[in-house]
């Protein structure tokens, strides 16, 4: 169920009978055809345990199940939208960044401390992002939201990417992350804005970075 990008802040999805998708509540802008929107109470493809995990993690962004036969347009808050297509791999993304995604994708929750040990836990505490993050796995498309547009940066063996944690949107691939410190000139003159901490991603994959340090 690929998304068609109408512009940088709106996407369109074609629904056919027998298929379904999930969207953030309030993200539907308009639709054509026979389409139903139902509050999702079972945590998507991940089931009840996935839902419980997200609630414990503060990841309980309300979702709608979208089904029927027609075309639905999505957008939210005037945020820029990036469409990410998965081909069997796993996308790691903050729950409040999700706009809409294919119902075929398996949804889960990962404790960030399991990637980078204690530093993964520190990342959640320092940056304000949850200790847990949402995962989407399988074949399908995901529409995520960001401030000011998104750039896609490749991560290659021996060539890690350092990202301001507030600018981080999502990543996928065989990637490990850890929080590192970097005392820069802004911190020396008392104008630090978070650059003292950097999220280092290494391995083989892609990271998506927004053009702003502002959270949604």
C-alpha atoms as a PDB file:
ATOM      1  CA  UNK A   1       0.000   0.000   0.000  1.00  0.00           C
ATOM      2  CA  UNK A   2       2.405   2.720  -1.158  1.00  0.00           C
ATOM      3  CA  UNK A   3       1.847   6.330  -0.170  1.00  0.00           C
ATOM      4  CA  UNK A   4       1.676   9.002  -2.822  1.00  0.00           C
ATOM      5  CA  UNK A   5       3.229  12.269  -1.738  1.00  0.00           C
ATOM      6  CA  UNK A   6       0.794  15.086  -2.580  1.00  0.00           C
ATOM      7  CA  UNK A   7       3.225  17.698  -1.268  1.00  0.00           C
ATOM      8  CA  UNK A   8       5.787  17.911   1.522  1.00  0.00           C
ATOM      9  CA  UNK A   9       3.047  17.924   4.182  1.00  0.00           C
ATOM     10  CA  UNK A  10       0.369  15.605   2.782  1.00  0.00           C
ATOM     11  CA  UNK A  11       0.309  11.995   1.604  1.00  0.00           C
ATOM     12  CA  UNK A  12      -2.388   9.860   0.013  1.00  0.00           C
ATOM     13  CA  UNK A  13      -2.991   6.126   0.434  1.00  0.00           C
ATOM     14  CA  UNK A  14      -5.137   3.837  -1.720  1.00  0.00           C
ATOM     15  CA  UNK A  15      -7.166   1.275   0.239  1.00  0.00           C
ATOM     16  CA  UNK A  16      -8.681  -1.890  -1.213  1.00  0.00           C
ATOM     17  CA  UNK A  17     -11.012  -4.378   0.525  1.00  0.00           C
ATOM     18  CA  UNK A  18      -9.139  -6.850   2.697  1.00  0.00           C
ATOM     19  CA  UNK A  19      -6.285  -4.476   3.446  1.00  0.00           C
ATOM     20  CA  UNK A  20      -5.885  -2.188   6.407  1.00  0.00           C
ATOM     21  CA  UNK A  21      -3.556   0.455   7.691  1.00  0.00           C
ATOM     22  CA  UNK A  22      -2.969   2.344  10.901  1.00  0.00           C
ATOM     23  CA  UNK A  23      -2.756   6.099  11.380  1.00  0.00           C
ATOM     24  CA  UNK A  24      -2.312   8.523  14.222  1.00  0.00           C
ATOM     25  CA  UNK A  25      -5.671   9.777  15.450  1.00  0.00           C
ATOM     26  CA  UNK A  26      -6.514  13.124  13.936  1.00  0.00           C
ATOM     27  CA  UNK A  27      -4.241  12.549  10.931  1.00  0.00           C
ATOM     28  CA  UNK A  28      -7.028  11.994   8.374  1.00  0.00           C
ATOM     29  CA  UNK A  29      -7.530  15.132   6.283  1.00  0.00           C
ATOM     30  CA  UNK A  30      -9.990  13.867   3.657  1.00  0.00           C
ATOM     31  CA  UNK A  31     -11.092  10.662   1.959  1.00  0.00           C
ATOM     32  CA  UNK A  32     -13.026   9.331  -1.009  1.00  0.00           C
ATOM     33  CA  UNK A  33     -14.942   6.067  -1.169  1.00  0.00           C
ATOM     34  CA  UNK A  34     -16.207   3.687   1.509  1.00  0.00           C
ATOM     35  CA  UNK A  35     -13.645   3.973   4.302  1.00  0.00           C
ATOM     36  CA  UNK A  36     -14.011   3.261   8.034  1.00  0.00           C
ATOM     37  CA  UNK A  37     -11.895   4.590  10.916  1.00  0.00           C
ATOM     38  CA  UNK A  38     -11.876   2.606  14.161  1.00  0.00           C
ATOM     39  CA  UNK A  39      -9.977   3.385  17.384  1.00  0.00           C
ATOM     40  CA  UNK A  40      -7.286   0.731  17.730  1.00  0.00           C
ATOM     41  CA  UNK A  41      -7.345  -1.037  21.099  1.00  0.00           C
ATOM     42  CA  UNK A  42      -5.070  -4.013  20.383  1.00  0.00           C
ATOM     43  CA  UNK A  43      -1.749  -2.355  19.598  1.00  0.00           C
ATOM     44  CA  UNK A  44      -1.686  -3.099  15.869  1.00  0.00           C
ATOM     45  CA  UNK A  45       0.085  -6.179  14.539  1.00  0.00           C
ATOM     46  CA  UNK A  46       2.025  -6.527  17.796  1.00  0.00           C
ATOM     47  CA  UNK A  47      -1.111  -7.411  19.754  1.00  0.00           C
ATOM     48  CA  UNK A  48      -1.941  -6.711  23.368  1.00  0.00           C
ATOM     49  CA  UNK A  49       1.574  -7.212  24.722  1.00  0.00           C
ATOM     50  CA  UNK A  50       2.919  -4.675  22.260  1.00  0.00           C
ATOM     51  CA  UNK A  51       0.273  -2.206  23.427  1.00  0.00           C
ATOM     52  CA  UNK A  52       1.178  -2.793  27.083  1.00  0.00           C
ATOM     53  CA  UNK A  53       4.852  -2.319  26.301  1.00  0.00           C
ATOM     54  CA  UNK A  54       4.174   1.019  24.636  1.00  0.00           C
ATOM     55  CA  UNK A  55       2.040   2.216  27.532  1.00  0.00           C
ATOM     56  CA  UNK A  56       4.742   1.340  30.044  1.00  0.00           C
ATOM     57  CA  UNK A  57       7.221   3.144  27.817  1.00  0.00           C
ATOM     58  CA  UNK A  58       5.098   6.232  27.364  1.00  0.00           C
ATOM     59  CA  UNK A  59       4.762   5.251  23.718  1.00  0.00           C
ATOM     60  CA  UNK A  60       0.973   5.038  23.711  1.00  0.00           C
ATOM     61  CA  UNK A  61       0.302   7.311  20.760  1.00  0.00           C
ATOM     62  CA  UNK A  62      -3.397   6.716  19.890  1.00  0.00           C
ATOM     63  CA  UNK A  63      -3.897   4.864  16.601  1.00  0.00           C
ATOM     64  CA  UNK A  64      -6.806   4.403  14.231  1.00  0.00           C
ATOM     65  CA  UNK A  65      -7.425   1.304  12.123  1.00  0.00           C
ATOM     66  CA  UNK A  66      -8.285   2.395   8.578  1.00  0.00           C
ATOM     67  CA  UNK A  67     -10.121  -0.045   6.278  1.00  0.00           C
ATOM     68  CA  UNK A  68     -12.351  -0.035   3.225  1.00  0.00           C
ATOM     69  CA  UNK A  69     -12.249   0.824  -0.443  1.00  0.00           C
ATOM     70  CA  UNK A  70     -11.100   4.306  -1.335  1.00  0.00           C
ATOM     71  CA  UNK A  71      -8.423   6.953  -1.050  1.00  0.00           C
ATOM     72  CA  UNK A  72      -7.356   8.643   2.199  1.00  0.00           C
ATOM     73  CA  UNK A  73      -5.259  11.778   2.607  1.00  0.00           C
ATOM     74  CA  UNK A  74      -3.120  12.199   5.725  1.00  0.00           C
ATOM     75  CA  UNK A  75      -1.281  15.068   7.377  1.00  0.00           C
ATOM     76  CA  UNK A  76      -0.866  16.420  10.881  1.00  0.00           C
ATOM     77  CA  UNK A  77       0.055  19.764  12.402  1.00  0.00           C
ATOM     78  CA  UNK A  78       1.596  21.052   9.196  1.00  0.00           C
ATOM     79  CA  UNK A  79       4.634  18.814   9.799  1.00  0.00           C
ATOM     80  CA  UNK A  80       6.796  17.662   6.919  1.00  0.00           C
ATOM     81  CA  UNK A  81       6.243  14.027   5.965  1.00  0.00           C
ATOM     82  CA  UNK A  82       8.832  11.477   4.915  1.00  0.00           C
ATOM     83  CA  UNK A  83       7.768   8.151   3.374  1.00  0.00           C
ATOM     84  CA  UNK A  84      10.040   5.232   4.272  1.00  0.00           C
ATOM     85  CA  UNK A  85       9.702   1.920   2.432  1.00  0.00           C
ATOM     86  CA  UNK A  86      10.727  -1.250   4.236  1.00  0.00           C
ATOM     87  CA  UNK A  87      11.778  -4.429   2.436  1.00  0.00           C
ATOM     88  CA  UNK A  88      11.848  -6.896   5.296  1.00  0.00           C
ATOM     89  CA  UNK A  89      13.952  -4.881   7.707  1.00  0.00           C
ATOM     90  CA  UNK A  90      13.013  -3.068  10.927  1.00  0.00           C
ATOM     91  CA  UNK A  91      12.402   0.643  11.365  1.00  0.00           C
ATOM     92  CA  UNK A  92      13.132   2.204  14.760  1.00  0.00           C
ATOM     93  CA  UNK A  93      11.067   5.369  15.261  1.00  0.00           C
ATOM     94  CA  UNK A  94       9.644   7.458  18.092  1.00  0.00           C
ATOM     95  CA  UNK A  95       5.895   6.737  18.379  1.00  0.00           C
ATOM     96  CA  UNK A  96       4.808  10.368  18.123  1.00  0.00           C
ATOM     97  CA  UNK A  97       6.595  10.604  14.758  1.00  0.00           C
ATOM     98  CA  UNK A  98       4.293   8.033  13.141  1.00  0.00           C
ATOM     99  CA  UNK A  99       1.672   9.460  10.807  1.00  0.00           C
ATOM    100  CA  UNK A 100       0.452   6.274   9.090  1.00  0.00           C
ATOM    101  CA  UNK A 101       1.772   2.847   8.102  1.00  0.00           C
ATOM    102  CA  UNK A 102       0.820  -0.392   6.376  1.00  0.00           C
ATOM    103  CA  UNK A 103      -1.199  -2.828   8.448  1.00  0.00           C
ATOM    104  CA  UNK A 104       1.032  -5.661   7.223  1.00  0.00           C
ATOM    105  CA  UNK A 105       3.952  -4.347   9.272  1.00  0.00           C
ATOM    106  CA  UNK A 106       4.615  -5.995  12.631  1.00  0.00           C
ATOM    107  CA  UNK A 107       4.580  -3.399  15.386  1.00  0.00           C
ATOM    108  CA  UNK A 108       6.585  -3.741  18.587  1.00  0.00           C
ATOM    109  CA  UNK A 109       8.564  -1.922  21.265  1.00  0.00           C
ATOM    110  CA  UNK A 110      12.278  -2.044  21.990  1.00  0.00           C
ATOM    111  CA  UNK A 111      14.029  -1.014  25.190  1.00  0.00           C
ATOM    112  CA  UNK A 112      16.759   1.366  24.076  1.00  0.00           C
ATOM    113  CA  UNK A 113      19.016   0.201  26.879  1.00  0.00           C
ATOM    114  CA  UNK A 114      19.473  -3.061  24.978  1.00  0.00           C
ATOM    115  CA  UNK A 115      21.330  -1.092  22.297  1.00  0.00           C
ATOM    116  CA  UNK A 116      24.315   0.564  23.910  1.00  0.00           C
ATOM    117  CA  UNK A 117      23.692  -0.699  27.454  1.00  0.00           C
ATOM    118  CA  UNK A 118      23.678   2.026  30.065  1.00  0.00           C
ATOM    119  CA  UNK A 119      24.323   4.685  27.434  1.00  0.00           C
ATOM    120  CA  UNK A 120      21.065   3.776  25.747  1.00  0.00           C
ATOM    121  CA  UNK A 121      19.280   4.445  29.014  1.00  0.00           C
ATOM    122  CA  UNK A 122      21.122   7.732  29.484  1.00  0.00           C
ATOM    123  CA  UNK A 123      20.045   8.758  26.006  1.00  0.00           C
ATOM    124  CA  UNK A 124      16.399   8.463  26.985  1.00  0.00           C
ATOM    125  CA  UNK A 125      16.848  10.426  30.196  1.00  0.00           C
ATOM    126  CA  UNK A 126      18.952  13.251  28.753  1.00  0.00           C
ATOM    127  CA  UNK A 127      17.186  13.844  25.441  1.00  0.00           C
ATOM    128  CA  UNK A 128      13.612  13.514  26.643  1.00  0.00           C
ATOM    129  CA  UNK A 129      13.025  10.648  24.202  1.00  0.00           C
ATOM    130  CA  UNK A 130      11.604   7.501  25.757  1.00  0.00           C
ATOM    131  CA  UNK A 131      13.725   4.643  27.038  1.00  0.00           C
ATOM    132  CA  UNK A 132      11.637   2.594  24.641  1.00  0.00           C
ATOM    133  CA  UNK A 133      11.132   3.160  20.934  1.00  0.00           C
ATOM    134  CA  UNK A 134       8.585   1.777  18.478  1.00  0.00           C
ATOM    135  CA  UNK A 135       9.631  -0.801  15.897  1.00  0.00           C
ATOM    136  CA  UNK A 136       7.943  -1.624  12.580  1.00  0.00           C
ATOM    137  CA  UNK A 137       9.115  -4.718  10.737  1.00  0.00           C
ATOM    138  CA  UNK A 138       8.293  -6.311   7.373  1.00  0.00           C
ATOM    139  CA  UNK A 139       7.456  -5.203   3.865  1.00  0.00           C
ATOM    140  CA  UNK A 140       5.503  -1.991   3.519  1.00  0.00           C
ATOM    141  CA  UNK A 141       5.519   1.787   3.769  1.00  0.00           C
ATOM    142  CA  UNK A 142       5.656   4.133   6.748  1.00  0.00           C
ATOM    143  CA  UNK A 143       4.916   7.873   6.751  1.00  0.00           C
ATOM    144  CA  UNK A 144       6.763   9.727   9.513  1.00  0.00           C
ATOM    145  CA  UNK A 145       6.580  13.381  10.574  1.00  0.00           C
ATOM    146  CA  UNK A 146       9.387  15.870  11.130  1.00  0.00           C
ATOM    147  CA  UNK A 147      10.085  19.563  11.535  1.00  0.00           C
ATOM    148  CA  UNK A 148      11.554  21.330   8.507  1.00  0.00           C
ATOM    149  CA  UNK A 149      12.002  18.316   6.257  1.00  0.00           C
ATOM    150  CA  UNK A 150      14.177  15.207   6.494  1.00  0.00           C
ATOM    151  CA  UNK A 151      17.554  14.184   5.121  1.00  0.00           C
ATOM    152  CA  UNK A 152      18.513  10.528   4.670  1.00  0.00           C
ATOM    153  CA  UNK A 153      22.092   9.751   5.764  1.00  0.00           C
ATOM    154  CA  UNK A 154      23.705   6.393   4.953  1.00  0.00           C
ATOM    155  CA  UNK A 155      25.550   4.534   7.713  1.00  0.00           C
ATOM    156  CA  UNK A 156      28.416   2.335   6.506  1.00  0.00           C
ATOM    157  CA  UNK A 157      30.908   0.074   8.315  1.00  0.00           C
ATOM    158  CA  UNK A 158      33.745   2.210   9.646  1.00  0.00           C
ATOM    159  CA  UNK A 159      31.796   5.399   8.866  1.00  0.00           C
ATOM    160  CA  UNK A 160      29.449   6.112  11.786  1.00  0.00           C
ATOM    161  CA  UNK A 161      27.063   9.068  11.749  1.00  0.00           C
ATOM    162  CA  UNK A 162      26.747  11.458  14.710  1.00  0.00           C
ATOM    163  CA  UNK A 163      23.338  13.073  15.151  1.00  0.00           C
ATOM    164  CA  UNK A 164      21.963  15.652  17.558  1.00  0.00           C
ATOM    165  CA  UNK A 165      19.456  13.528  19.558  1.00  0.00           C
ATOM    166  CA  UNK A 166      16.770  16.187  19.151  1.00  0.00           C
ATOM    167  CA  UNK A 167      17.159  16.042  15.349  1.00  0.00           C
ATOM    168  CA  UNK A 168      16.921  12.232  15.212  1.00  0.00           C
ATOM    169  CA  UNK A 169      13.756  10.916  13.530  1.00  0.00           C
ATOM    170  CA  UNK A 170      14.274   7.206  12.782  1.00  0.00           C
ATOM    171  CA  UNK A 171      16.721   4.612  11.492  1.00  0.00           C
ATOM    172  CA  UNK A 172      16.747   1.152   9.971  1.00  0.00           C
ATOM    173  CA  UNK A 173      19.303  -1.488   9.076  1.00  0.00           C
ATOM    174  CA  UNK A 174      21.940  -3.335  11.090  1.00  0.00           C
ATOM    175  CA  UNK A 175      22.688  -0.329  13.283  1.00  0.00           C
ATOM    176  CA  UNK A 176      23.856   0.174  16.850  1.00  0.00           C
ATOM    177  CA  UNK A 177      23.488   3.444  18.720  1.00  0.00           C
ATOM    178  CA  UNK A 178      25.129   4.985  21.722  1.00  0.00           C
ATOM    179  CA  UNK A 179      25.191   8.375  23.350  1.00  0.00           C
ATOM    180  CA  UNK A 180      28.525  10.184  23.301  1.00  0.00           C
ATOM    181  CA  UNK A 181      29.615  13.495  24.769  1.00  0.00           C
ATOM    182  CA  UNK A 182      31.278  16.262  22.785  1.00  0.00           C
ATOM    183  CA  UNK A 183      32.095  19.530  24.515  1.00  0.00           C
ATOM    184  CA  UNK A 184      31.977  22.158  21.804  1.00  0.00           C
ATOM    185  CA  UNK A 185      32.499  25.900  21.585  1.00  0.00           C
ATOM    186  CA  UNK A 186      28.818  26.609  22.249  1.00  0.00           C
ATOM    187  CA  UNK A 187      29.070  24.896  25.615  1.00  0.00           C
ATOM    188  CA  UNK A 188      32.285  26.728  26.414  1.00  0.00           C
ATOM    189  CA  UNK A 189      30.583  30.116  25.969  1.00  0.00           C
ATOM    190  CA  UNK A 190      27.375  29.053  27.719  1.00  0.00           C
ATOM    191  CA  UNK A 191      25.195  28.743  24.608  1.00  0.00           C
ATOM    192  CA  UNK A 192      24.862  25.003  24.438  1.00  0.00           C
ATOM    193  CA  UNK A 193      21.624  23.656  22.982  1.00  0.00           C
ATOM    194  CA  UNK A 194      22.165  19.931  23.384  1.00  0.00           C
ATOM    195  CA  UNK A 195      25.296  19.558  21.239  1.00  0.00           C
ATOM    196  CA  UNK A 196      27.173  18.315  24.298  1.00  0.00           C
ATOM    197  CA  UNK A 197      25.437  14.988  23.613  1.00  0.00           C
ATOM    198  CA  UNK A 198      25.531  13.216  20.283  1.00  0.00           C
ATOM    199  CA  UNK A 199      23.808  10.053  19.162  1.00  0.00           C
ATOM    200  CA  UNK A 200      26.404   7.895  17.411  1.00  0.00           C
ATOM    201  CA  UNK A 201      24.977   5.345  14.934  1.00  0.00           C
ATOM    202  CA  UNK A 202      27.299   2.715  13.500  1.00  0.00           C
ATOM    203  CA  UNK A 203      26.974  -0.374  11.348  1.00  0.00           C
ATOM    204  CA  UNK A 204      25.133  -0.592   8.042  1.00  0.00           C
ATOM    205  CA  UNK A 205      21.860   1.218   7.393  1.00  0.00           C
ATOM    206  CA  UNK A 206      20.192   4.613   7.156  1.00  0.00           C
ATOM    207  CA  UNK A 207      19.325   7.340   9.662  1.00  0.00           C
ATOM    208  CA  UNK A 208      16.711  10.038   9.055  1.00  0.00           C
ATOM    209  CA  UNK A 209      17.478  13.482  10.452  1.00  0.00           C
ATOM    210  CA  UNK A 210      15.127  16.469  10.611  1.00  0.00           C
ATOM    211  CA  UNK A 211      16.156  20.050   9.868  1.00  0.00           C
ATOM    212  CA  UNK A 212      15.359  21.221  13.381  1.00  0.00           C
ATOM    213  CA  UNK A 213      16.087  20.458  17.041  1.00  0.00           C
ATOM    214  CA  UNK A 214      12.411  20.964  17.900  1.00  0.00           C
ATOM    215  CA  UNK A 215      10.405  17.973  19.131  1.00  0.00           C
ATOM    216  CA  UNK A 216       6.905  17.298  17.816  1.00  0.00           C
END
